[in-house]
Amino acid sequence: MVEFFQVYLPICIYILLIILLIICIILGVRLIGAMDKVDELLENVQGKINTLNGFFSIIDFTTDKISAFSDRIVELFTGLISKFKRKKESTEIEEEDDYE
């Protein structure tokens, strides 16, 4: 019985290792094929995204101009309000000086 294990057990192990190696090679080839398909898909998506870059740059430019315009309007209104406030404060100070 011991001689059986010493002779045939290494042969069985070698056969199983050869089968395992063949299975790993097949899975590796399929994995490479799947990665090629994924790479092709990513290139396709990247191309579609690049076509939208012009559109997004136009939107970005437009929003920047609108923001600059609205900032300018807010600055004008703030300036007018501060002028009226300064006038009102100066007239109140003058009125207080007149009463004293």
PDB file of N, CA and C in Angstrom:
ATOM      1  N   MET A   1       0.814  -1.185   0.000  1.00  0.00           N
ATOM      2  CA  MET A   1       0.000   0.000   0.000  1.00  0.00           C
ATOM      3  C   MET A   1       0.865   1.260   0.000  1.00  0.00           C
ATOM      4  N   VAL A   2       1.916   1.256   0.773  1.00  0.00           N
ATOM      5  CA  VAL A   2       2.812   2.390   0.849  1.00  0.00           C
ATOM      6  C   VAL A   2       3.511   2.583  -0.485  1.00  0.00           C
ATOM      7  N   GLU A   3       3.852   1.490  -1.146  1.00  0.00           N
ATOM      8  CA  GLU A   3       4.492   1.584  -2.460  1.00  0.00           C
ATOM      9  C   GLU A   3       3.546   2.186  -3.485  1.00  0.00           C
ATOM     10  N   PHE A   4       2.275   1.913  -3.347  1.00  0.00           N
ATOM     11  CA  PHE A   4       1.271   2.474  -4.259  1.00  0.00           C
ATOM     12  C   PHE A   4       1.261   3.998  -4.150  1.00  0.00           C
ATOM     13  N   PHE A   5       1.228   4.493  -2.907  1.00  0.00           N
ATOM     14  CA  PHE A   5       1.216   5.947  -2.703  1.00  0.00           C
ATOM     15  C   PHE A   5       2.521   6.590  -3.166  1.00  0.00           C
ATOM     16  N   GLN A   6       3.615   5.916  -2.998  1.00  0.00           N
ATOM     17  CA  GLN A   6       4.909   6.464  -3.399  1.00  0.00           C
ATOM     18  C   GLN A   6       5.059   6.519  -4.915  1.00  0.00           C
ATOM     19  N   VAL A   7       4.406   5.617  -5.620  1.00  0.00           N
ATOM     20  CA  VAL A   7       4.553   5.556  -7.066  1.00  0.00           C
ATOM     21  C   VAL A   7       3.456   6.359  -7.768  1.00  0.00           C
ATOM     22  N   TYR A   8       2.212   6.133  -7.389  1.00  0.00           N
ATOM     23  CA  TYR A   8       1.096   6.704  -8.154  1.00  0.00           C
ATOM     24  C   TYR A   8       0.603   8.062  -7.637  1.00  0.00           C
ATOM     25  N   LEU A   9       0.851   8.356  -6.376  1.00  0.00           N
ATOM     26  CA  LEU A   9       0.417   9.641  -5.851  1.00  0.00           C
ATOM     27  C   LEU A   9       1.130  10.817  -6.535  1.00  0.00           C
ATOM     28  N   PRO A  10       2.450  10.787  -6.731  1.00  0.00           N
ATOM     29  CA  PRO A  10       3.083  11.894  -7.472  1.00  0.00           C
ATOM     30  C   PRO A  10       2.557  12.012  -8.901  1.00  0.00           C
ATOM     31  N   ILE A  11       2.252  10.905  -9.546  1.00  0.00           N
ATOM     32  CA  ILE A  11       1.704  10.948 -10.909  1.00  0.00           C
ATOM     33  C   ILE A  11       0.344  11.631 -10.897  1.00  0.00           C
ATOM     34  N   CYS A  12      -0.511  11.298  -9.926  1.00  0.00           N
ATOM     35  CA  CYS A  12      -1.837  11.940  -9.824  1.00  0.00           C
ATOM     36  C   CYS A  12      -1.696  13.436  -9.551  1.00  0.00           C
ATOM     37  N   ILE A  13      -0.757  13.790  -8.682  1.00  0.00           N
ATOM     38  CA  ILE A  13      -0.548  15.215  -8.368  1.00  0.00           C
ATOM     39  C   ILE A  13      -0.059  15.965  -9.611  1.00  0.00           C
ATOM     40  N   TYR A  14       0.861  15.390 -10.358  1.00  0.00           N
ATOM     41  CA  TYR A  14       1.336  16.033 -11.580  1.00  0.00           C
ATOM     42  C   TYR A  14       0.214  16.209 -12.601  1.00  0.00           C
ATOM     43  N   ILE A  15      -0.621  15.200 -12.743  1.00  0.00           N
ATOM     44  CA  ILE A  15      -1.754  15.298 -13.686  1.00  0.00           C
ATOM     45  C   ILE A  15      -2.705  16.408 -13.251  1.00  0.00           C
ATOM     46  N   LEU A  16      -3.003  16.491 -11.946  1.00  0.00           N
ATOM     47  CA  LEU A  16      -3.895  17.547 -11.455  1.00  0.00           C
ATOM     48  C   LEU A  16      -3.266  18.936 -11.628  1.00  0.00           C
ATOM     49  N   LEU A  17      -1.964  19.039 -11.426  1.00  0.00           N
ATOM     50  CA  LEU A  17      -1.285  20.317 -11.642  1.00  0.00           C
ATOM     51  C   LEU A  17      -1.298  20.731 -13.108  1.00  0.00           C
ATOM     52  N   ILE A  18      -1.136  19.762 -14.011  1.00  0.00           N
ATOM     53  CA  ILE A  18      -1.205  20.063 -15.447  1.00  0.00           C
ATOM     54  C   ILE A  18      -2.600  20.550 -15.817  1.00  0.00           C
ATOM     55  N   ILE A  19      -3.640  19.892 -15.267  1.00  0.00           N
ATOM     56  CA  ILE A  19      -5.025  20.314 -15.536  1.00  0.00           C
ATOM     57  C   ILE A  19      -5.252  21.726 -14.983  1.00  0.00           C
ATOM     58  N   LEU A  20      -4.754  21.985 -13.766  1.00  0.00           N
ATOM     59  CA  LEU A  20      -4.900  23.311 -13.177  1.00  0.00           C
ATOM     60  C   LEU A  20      -4.185  24.378 -14.010  1.00  0.00           C
ATOM     61  N   LEU A  21      -3.008  24.058 -14.516  1.00  0.00           N
ATOM     62  CA  LEU A  21      -2.264  24.985 -15.362  1.00  0.00           C
ATOM     63  C   LEU A  21      -3.018  25.277 -16.659  1.00  0.00           C
ATOM     64  N   ILE A  22      -3.601  24.264 -17.264  1.00  0.00           N
ATOM     65  CA  ILE A  22      -4.384  24.453 -18.497  1.00  0.00           C
ATOM     66  C   ILE A  22      -5.592  25.336 -18.221  1.00  0.00           C
ATOM     67  N   ILE A  23      -6.282  25.110 -17.095  1.00  0.00           N
ATOM     68  CA  ILE A  23      -7.454  25.922 -16.746  1.00  0.00           C
ATOM     69  C   ILE A  23      -7.033  27.377 -16.530  1.00  0.00           C
ATOM     70  N   CYS A  24      -5.911  27.597 -15.854  1.00  0.00           N
ATOM     71  CA  CYS A  24      -5.430  28.965 -15.626  1.00  0.00           C
ATOM     72  C   CYS A  24      -5.072  29.659 -16.939  1.00  0.00           C
ATOM     73  N   ILE A  25      -4.484  28.932 -17.859  1.00  0.00           N
ATOM     74  CA  ILE A  25      -4.151  29.512 -19.168  1.00  0.00           C
ATOM     75  C   ILE A  25      -5.417  29.911 -19.915  1.00  0.00           C
ATOM     76  N   ILE A  26      -6.423  29.046 -19.896  1.00  0.00           N
ATOM     77  CA  ILE A  26      -7.695  29.348 -20.581  1.00  0.00           C
ATOM     78  C   ILE A  26      -8.347  30.575 -19.952  1.00  0.00           C
ATOM     79  N   LEU A  27      -8.376  30.626 -18.608  1.00  0.00           N
ATOM     80  CA  LEU A  27      -8.974  31.787 -17.941  1.00  0.00           C
ATOM     81  C   LEU A  27      -8.181  33.060 -18.233  1.00  0.00           C
ATOM     82  N   GLY A  28      -6.865  32.961 -18.312  1.00  0.00           N
ATOM     83  CA  GLY A  28      -6.038  34.117 -18.638  1.00  0.00           C
ATOM     84  C   GLY A  28      -6.333  34.658 -20.026  1.00  0.00           C
ATOM     85  N   VAL A  29      -6.486  33.752 -21.001  1.00  0.00           N
ATOM     86  CA  VAL A  29      -6.796  34.176 -22.369  1.00  0.00           C
ATOM     87  C   VAL A  29      -8.156  34.849 -22.417  1.00  0.00           C
ATOM     88  N   ARG A  30      -9.136  34.283 -21.711  1.00  0.00           N
ATOM     89  CA  ARG A  30     -10.471  34.899 -21.689  1.00  0.00           C
ATOM     90  C   ARG A  30     -10.439  36.253 -20.980  1.00  0.00           C
ATOM     91  N   LEU A  31      -9.651  36.353 -19.935  1.00  0.00           N
ATOM     92  CA  LEU A  31      -9.531  37.618 -19.226  1.00  0.00           C
ATOM     93  C   LEU A  31      -8.901  38.680 -20.116  1.00  0.00           C
ATOM     94  N   ILE A  32      -7.918  38.315 -20.887  1.00  0.00           N
ATOM     95  CA  ILE A  32      -7.305  39.267 -21.820  1.00  0.00           C
ATOM     96  C   ILE A  32      -8.326  39.722 -22.861  1.00  0.00           C
ATOM     97  N   GLY A  33      -9.135  38.809 -23.352  1.00  0.00           N
ATOM     98  CA  GLY A  33     -10.192  39.178 -24.307  1.00  0.00           C
ATOM     99  C   GLY A  33     -11.205  40.122 -23.684  1.00  0.00           C
ATOM    100  N   ALA A  34     -11.581  39.854 -22.430  1.00  0.00           N
ATOM    101  CA  ALA A  34     -12.535  40.727 -21.748  1.00  0.00           C
ATOM    102  C   ALA A  34     -11.928  42.108 -21.519  1.00  0.00           C
ATOM    103  N   MET A  35     -10.653  42.150 -21.174  1.00  0.00           N
ATOM    104  CA  MET A  35     -10.005  43.446 -20.962  1.00  0.00           C
ATOM    105  C   MET A  35      -9.911  44.237 -22.260  1.00  0.00           C
ATOM    106  N   ASP A  36      -9.718  43.568 -23.381  1.00  0.00           N
ATOM    107  CA  ASP A  36      -9.716  44.259 -24.674  1.00  0.00           C
ATOM    108  C   ASP A  36     -11.080  44.885 -24.956  1.00  0.00           C
ATOM    109  N   LYS A  37     -12.151  44.151 -24.640  1.00  0.00           N
ATOM    110  CA  LYS A  37     -13.499  44.696 -24.845  1.00  0.00           C
ATOM    111  C   LYS A  37     -13.749  45.886 -23.934  1.00  0.00           C
ATOM    112  N   VAL A  38     -13.306  45.802 -22.697  1.00  0.00           N
ATOM    113  CA  VAL A  38     -13.477  46.915 -21.763  1.00  0.00           C
ATOM    114  C   VAL A  38     -12.677  48.122 -22.236  1.00  0.00           C
ATOM    115  N   ASP A  39     -11.482  47.895 -22.728  1.00  0.00           N
ATOM    116  CA  ASP A  39     -10.653  48.991 -23.235  1.00  0.00           C
ATOM    117  C   ASP A  39     -11.319  49.669 -24.425  1.00  0.00           C
ATOM    118  N   GLU A  40     -11.894  48.890 -25.311  1.00  0.00           N
ATOM    119  CA  GLU A  40     -12.599  49.446 -26.471  1.00  0.00           C
ATOM    120  C   GLU A  40     -13.798  50.267 -26.012  1.00  0.00           C
ATOM    121  N   LEU A  41     -14.520  49.766 -25.030  1.00  0.00           N
ATOM    122  CA  LEU A  41     -15.677  50.487 -24.507  1.00  0.00           C
ATOM    123  C   LEU A  41     -15.251  51.811 -23.866  1.00  0.00           C
ATOM    124  N   LEU A  42     -14.176  51.788 -23.100  1.00  0.00           N
ATOM    125  CA  LEU A  42     -13.695  53.021 -22.470  1.00  0.00           C
ATOM    126  C   LEU A  42     -13.222  54.044 -23.490  1.00  0.00           C
ATOM    127  N   GLU A  43     -12.581  53.593 -24.552  1.00  0.00           N
ATOM    128  CA  GLU A  43     -12.171  54.518 -25.608  1.00  0.00           C
ATOM    129  C   GLU A  43     -13.383  55.146 -26.278  1.00  0.00           C
ATOM    130  N   ASN A  44     -14.445  54.361 -26.473  1.00  0.00           N
ATOM    131  CA  ASN A  44     -15.672  54.867 -27.071  1.00  0.00           C
ATOM    132  C   ASN A  44     -16.301  55.924 -26.170  1.00  0.00           C
ATOM    133  N   VAL A  45     -16.367  55.654 -24.874  1.00  0.00           N
ATOM    134  CA  VAL A  45     -16.943  56.606 -23.924  1.00  0.00           C
ATOM    135  C   VAL A  45     -16.088  57.867 -23.870  1.00  0.00           C
ATOM    136  N   GLN A  46     -14.781  57.710 -23.870  1.00  0.00           N
ATOM    137  CA  GLN A  46     -13.873  58.868 -23.842  1.00  0.00           C
ATOM    138  C   GLN A  46     -14.074  59.746 -25.077  1.00  0.00           C
ATOM    139  N   GLY A  47     -14.257  59.116 -26.233  1.00  0.00           N
ATOM    140  CA  GLY A  47     -14.514  59.884 -27.453  1.00  0.00           C
ATOM    141  C   GLY A  47     -15.803  60.674 -27.371  1.00  0.00           C
ATOM    142  N   LYS A  48     -16.840  60.069 -26.807  1.00  0.00           N
ATOM    143  CA  LYS A  48     -18.119  60.775 -26.669  1.00  0.00           C
ATOM    144  C   LYS A  48     -18.016  61.912 -25.666  1.00  0.00           C
ATOM    145  N   ILE A  49     -17.257  61.710 -24.612  1.00  0.00           N
ATOM    146  CA  ILE A  49     -17.079  62.775 -23.636  1.00  0.00           C
ATOM    147  C   ILE A  49     -16.309  63.935 -24.254  1.00  0.00           C
ATOM    148  N   ASN A  50     -15.312  63.633 -25.057  1.00  0.00           N
ATOM    149  CA  ASN A  50     -14.520  64.690 -25.694  1.00  0.00           C
ATOM    150  C   ASN A  50     -15.357  65.529 -26.653  1.00  0.00           C
ATOM    151  N   THR A  51     -16.392  64.935 -27.257  1.00  0.00           N
ATOM    152  CA  THR A  51     -17.251  65.724 -28.142  1.00  0.00           C
ATOM    153  C   THR A  51     -18.084  66.725 -27.347  1.00  0.00           C
ATOM    154  N   LEU A  52     -18.312  66.454 -26.065  1.00  0.00           N
ATOM    155  CA  LEU A  52     -19.105  67.371 -25.243  1.00  0.00           C
ATOM    156  C   LEU A  52     -18.263  68.460 -24.595  1.00  0.00           C
ATOM    157  N   ASN A  53     -16.961  68.388 -24.685  1.00  0.00           N
ATOM    158  CA  ASN A  53     -16.099  69.386 -24.047  1.00  0.00           C
ATOM    159  C   ASN A  53     -16.363  70.788 -24.585  1.00  0.00           C
ATOM    160  N   GLY A  54     -16.606  70.928 -25.875  1.00  0.00           N
ATOM    161  CA  GLY A  54     -16.919  72.235 -26.457  1.00  0.00           C
ATOM    162  C   GLY A  54     -18.194  72.821 -25.878  1.00  0.00           C
ATOM    163  N   PHE A  55     -19.196  71.984 -25.737  1.00  0.00           N
ATOM    164  CA  PHE A  55     -20.473  72.418 -25.174  1.00  0.00           C
ATOM    165  C   PHE A  55     -20.294  72.892 -23.739  1.00  0.00           C
ATOM    166  N   PHE A  56     -19.550  72.131 -22.964  1.00  0.00           N
ATOM    167  CA  PHE A  56     -19.339  72.514 -21.571  1.00  0.00           C
ATOM    168  C   PHE A  56     -18.478  73.765 -21.448  1.00  0.00           C
ATOM    169  N   SER A  57     -17.551  73.972 -22.357  1.00  0.00           N
ATOM    170  CA  SER A  57     -16.747  75.191 -22.309  1.00  0.00           C
ATOM    171  C   SER A  57     -17.603  76.409 -22.644  1.00  0.00           C
ATOM    172  N   ILE A  58     -18.551  76.259 -23.563  1.00  0.00           N
ATOM    173  CA  ILE A  58     -19.472  77.358 -23.884  1.00  0.00           C
ATOM    174  C   ILE A  58     -20.339  77.683 -22.673  1.00  0.00           C
ATOM    175  N   ILE A  59     -20.841  76.659 -22.013  1.00  0.00           N
ATOM    176  CA  ILE A  59     -21.663  76.880 -20.822  1.00  0.00           C
ATOM    177  C   ILE A  59     -20.836  77.559 -19.733  1.00  0.00           C
ATOM    178  N   ASP A  60     -19.603  77.130 -19.559  1.00  0.00           N
ATOM    179  CA  ASP A  60     -18.729  77.719 -18.551  1.00  0.00           C
ATOM    180  C   ASP A  60     -18.457  79.191 -18.862  1.00  0.00           C
ATOM    181  N   PHE A  61     -18.174  79.501 -20.119  1.00  0.00           N
ATOM    182  CA  PHE A  61     -17.930  80.883 -20.530  1.00  0.00           C
ATOM    183  C   PHE A  61     -19.166  81.744 -20.281  1.00  0.00           C
ATOM    184  N   THR A  62     -20.340  81.210 -20.632  1.00  0.00           N
ATOM    185  CA  THR A  62     -21.585  81.954 -20.464  1.00  0.00           C
ATOM    186  C   THR A  62     -21.870  82.227 -18.995  1.00  0.00           C
ATOM    187  N   THR A  63     -21.707  81.224 -18.157  1.00  0.00           N
ATOM    188  CA  THR A  63     -21.966  81.433 -16.725  1.00  0.00           C
ATOM    189  C   THR A  63     -20.969  82.417 -16.113  1.00  0.00           C
ATOM    190  N   ASP A  64     -19.729  82.383 -16.589  1.00  0.00           N
ATOM    191  CA  ASP A  64     -18.747  83.357 -16.096  1.00  0.00           C
ATOM    192  C   ASP A  64     -19.164  84.779 -16.454  1.00  0.00           C
ATOM    193  N   LYS A  65     -19.624  84.992 -17.671  1.00  0.00           N
ATOM    194  CA  LYS A  65     -20.046  86.329 -18.099  1.00  0.00           C
ATOM    195  C   LYS A  65     -21.292  86.776 -17.336  1.00  0.00           C
ATOM    196  N   ILE A  66     -22.246  85.873 -17.147  1.00  0.00           N
ATOM    197  CA  ILE A  66     -23.456  86.218 -16.402  1.00  0.00           C
ATOM    198  C   ILE A  66     -23.095  86.563 -14.963  1.00  0.00           C
ATOM    199  N   SER A  67     -22.191  85.816 -14.383  1.00  0.00           N
ATOM    200  CA  SER A  67     -21.760  86.079 -13.008  1.00  0.00           C
ATOM    201  C   SER A  67     -21.066  87.433 -12.909  1.00  0.00           C
ATOM    202  N   ALA A  68     -20.209  87.747 -13.854  1.00  0.00           N
ATOM    203  CA  ALA A  68     -19.528  89.042 -13.846  1.00  0.00           C
ATOM    204  C   ALA A  68     -20.533  90.180 -13.985  1.00  0.00           C
ATOM    205  N   PHE A  69     -21.527  89.996 -14.860  1.00  0.00           N
ATOM    206  CA  PHE A  69     -22.558  91.009 -15.062  1.00  0.00           C
ATOM    207  C   PHE A  69     -23.378  91.208 -13.790  1.00  0.00           C
ATOM    208  N   SER A  70     -23.795  90.130 -13.171  1.00  0.00           N
ATOM    209  CA  SER A  70     -24.592  90.250 -11.949  1.00  0.00           C
ATOM    210  C   SER A  70     -23.768  90.849 -10.811  1.00  0.00           C
ATOM    211  N   ASP A  71     -22.472  90.523 -10.747  1.00  0.00           N
ATOM    212  CA  ASP A  71     -21.608  91.139  -9.737  1.00  0.00           C
ATOM    213  C   ASP A  71     -21.525  92.646  -9.943  1.00  0.00           C
ATOM    214  N   ARG A  72     -21.433  93.060 -11.170  1.00  0.00           N
ATOM    215  CA  ARG A  72     -21.354  94.489 -11.486  1.00  0.00           C
ATOM    216  C   ARG A  72     -22.650  95.204 -11.076  1.00  0.00           C
ATOM    217  N   ILE A  73     -23.781  94.575 -11.346  1.00  0.00           N
ATOM    218  CA  ILE A  73     -25.071  95.182 -10.974  1.00  0.00           C
ATOM    219  C   ILE A  73     -25.172  95.292  -9.457  1.00  0.00           C
ATOM    220  N   VAL A  74     -24.757  94.251  -8.750  1.00  0.00           N
ATOM    221  CA  VAL A  74     -24.799  94.290  -7.284  1.00  0.00           C
ATOM    222  C   VAL A  74     -23.870  95.380  -6.759  1.00  0.00           C
ATOM    223  N   GLU A  75     -22.705  95.539  -7.363  1.00  0.00           N
ATOM    224  CA  GLU A  75     -21.787  96.599  -6.943  1.00  0.00           C
ATOM    225  C   GLU A  75     -22.409  97.978  -7.146  1.00  0.00           C
ATOM    226  N   LEU A  76     -23.102  98.177  -8.274  1.00  0.00           N
ATOM    227  CA  LEU A  76     -23.747  99.463  -8.533  1.00  0.00           C
ATOM    228  C   LEU A  76     -24.826  99.759  -7.496  1.00  0.00           C
ATOM    229  N   PHE A  77     -25.695  98.780  -7.216  1.00  0.00           N
ATOM    230  CA  PHE A  77     -26.755  98.987  -6.229  1.00  0.00           C
ATOM    231  C   PHE A  77     -26.166  99.213  -4.838  1.00  0.00           C
ATOM    232  N   THR A  78     -25.131  98.492  -4.512  1.00  0.00           N
ATOM    233  CA  THR A  78     -24.481  98.671  -3.210  1.00  0.00           C
ATOM    234  C   THR A  78     -23.871 100.057  -3.107  1.00  0.00           C
ATOM    235  N   GLY A  79     -23.253 100.516  -4.188  1.00  0.00           N
ATOM    236  CA  GLY A  79     -22.677 101.865  -4.202  1.00  0.00           C
ATOM    237  C   GLY A  79     -23.752 102.930  -4.033  1.00  0.00           C
ATOM    238  N   LEU A  80     -24.888 102.767  -4.741  1.00  0.00           N
ATOM    239  CA  LEU A  80     -25.972 103.744  -4.613  1.00  0.00           C
ATOM    240  C   LEU A  80     -26.538 103.763  -3.206  1.00  0.00           C
ATOM    241  N   ILE A  81     -26.733 102.608  -2.628  1.00  0.00           N
ATOM    242  CA  ILE A  81     -27.285 102.537  -1.278  1.00  0.00           C
ATOM    243  C   ILE A  81     -26.320 103.143  -0.276  1.00  0.00           C
ATOM    244  N   SER A  82     -25.034 102.870  -0.457  1.00  0.00           N
ATOM    245  CA  SER A  82     -24.058 103.445   0.483  1.00  0.00           C
ATOM    246  C   SER A  82     -23.977 104.960   0.334  1.00  0.00           C
ATOM    247  N   LYS A  83     -24.156 105.488  -0.890  1.00  0.00           N
ATOM    248  CA  LYS A  83     -24.170 106.940  -1.076  1.00  0.00           C
ATOM    249  C   LYS A  83     -25.362 107.566  -0.354  1.00  0.00           C
ATOM    250  N   PHE A  84     -26.544 106.960  -0.507  1.00  0.00           N
ATOM    251  CA  PHE A  84     -27.730 107.483   0.168  1.00  0.00           C
ATOM    252  C   PHE A  84     -27.560 107.411   1.684  1.00  0.00           C
ATOM    253  N   LYS A  85     -26.954 106.351   2.149  1.00  0.00           N
ATOM    254  CA  LYS A  85     -26.757 106.192   3.580  1.00  0.00           C
ATOM    255  C   LYS A  85     -25.784 107.254   4.103  1.00  0.00           C
ATOM    256  N   ARG A  86     -24.705 107.492   3.355  1.00  0.00           N
ATOM    257  CA  ARG A  86     -23.738 108.508   3.765  1.00  0.00           C
ATOM    258  C   ARG A  86     -24.373 109.906   3.750  1.00  0.00           C
ATOM    259  N   LYS A  87     -25.228 110.162   2.741  1.00  0.00           N
ATOM    260  CA  LYS A  87     -25.914 111.458   2.669  1.00  0.00           C
ATOM    261  C   LYS A  87     -26.842 111.625   3.863  1.00  0.00           C
ATOM    262  N   LYS A  88     -27.564 110.546   4.177  1.00  0.00           N
ATOM    263  CA  LYS A  88     -28.511 110.605   5.279  1.00  0.00           C
ATOM    264  C   LYS A  88     -27.771 110.826   6.589  1.00  0.00           C
ATOM    265  N   GLU A  89     -26.647 110.128   6.785  1.00  0.00           N
ATOM    266  CA  GLU A  89     -25.877 110.294   8.005  1.00  0.00           C
ATOM    267  C   GLU A  89     -25.290 111.696   8.100  1.00  0.00           C
ATOM    268  N   SER A  90     -24.827 112.212   6.975  1.00  0.00           N
ATOM    269  CA  SER A  90     -24.240 113.564   7.011  1.00  0.00           C
ATOM    270  C   SER A  90     -25.308 114.612   7.292  1.00  0.00           C
ATOM    271  N   THR A  91     -26.513 114.437   6.748  1.00  0.00           N
ATOM    272  CA  THR A  91     -27.580 115.403   7.027  1.00  0.00           C
ATOM    273  C   THR A  91     -28.036 115.289   8.471  1.00  0.00           C
ATOM    274  N   GLU A  92     -28.036 114.097   9.049  1.00  0.00           N
ATOM    275  CA  GLU A  92     -28.409 113.928  10.454  1.00  0.00           C
ATOM    276  C   GLU A  92     -27.379 114.589  11.346  1.00  0.00           C
ATOM    277  N   ILE A  93     -26.103 114.478  11.004  1.00  0.00           N
ATOM    278  CA  ILE A  93     -25.058 115.110  11.788  1.00  0.00           C
ATOM    279  C   ILE A  93     -25.167 116.626  11.701  1.00  0.00           C
ATOM    280  N   GLU A  94     -25.479 117.152  10.507  1.00  0.00           N
ATOM    281  CA  GLU A  94     -25.645 118.585  10.341  1.00  0.00           C
ATOM    282  C   GLU A  94     -26.837 119.083  11.134  1.00  0.00           C
ATOM    283  N   GLU A  95     -27.947 118.335  11.141  1.00  0.00           N
ATOM    284  CA  GLU A  95     -29.143 118.722  11.886  1.00  0.00           C
ATOM    285  C   GLU A  95     -28.850 118.730  13.379  1.00  0.00           C
ATOM    286  N   GLU A  96     -28.063 117.762  13.856  1.00  0.00           N
ATOM    287  CA  GLU A  96     -27.717 117.732  15.275  1.00  0.00           C
ATOM    288  C   GLU A  96     -26.856 118.932  15.634  1.00  0.00           C
ATOM    289  N   ASP A  97     -25.961 119.309  14.721  1.00  0.00           N
ATOM    290  CA  ASP A  97     -25.116 120.485  14.970  1.00  0.00           C
ATOM    291  C   ASP A  97     -25.943 121.756  15.001  1.00  0.00           C
ATOM    292  N   ASP A  98     -27.001 121.826  14.171  1.00  0.00           N
ATOM    293  CA  ASP A  98     -27.859 122.997  14.125  1.00  0.00           C
ATOM    294  C   ASP A  98     -28.659 123.132  15.414  1.00  0.00           C
ATOM    295  N   TYR A  99     -29.099 122.041  16.006  1.00  0.00           N
ATOM    296  CA  TYR A  99     -29.908 122.063  17.215  1.00  0.00           C
ATOM    297  C   TYR A  99     -29.073 122.426  18.440  1.00  0.00           C
ATOM    298  N   GLU A 100     -27.814 122.163  18.396  1.00  0.00           N
ATOM    299  CA  GLU A 100     -26.957 122.482  19.556  1.00  0.00           C
ATOM    300  C   GLU A 100     -26.606 123.899  19.531  1.00  0.00           C
TER     301      GLU A 100
END
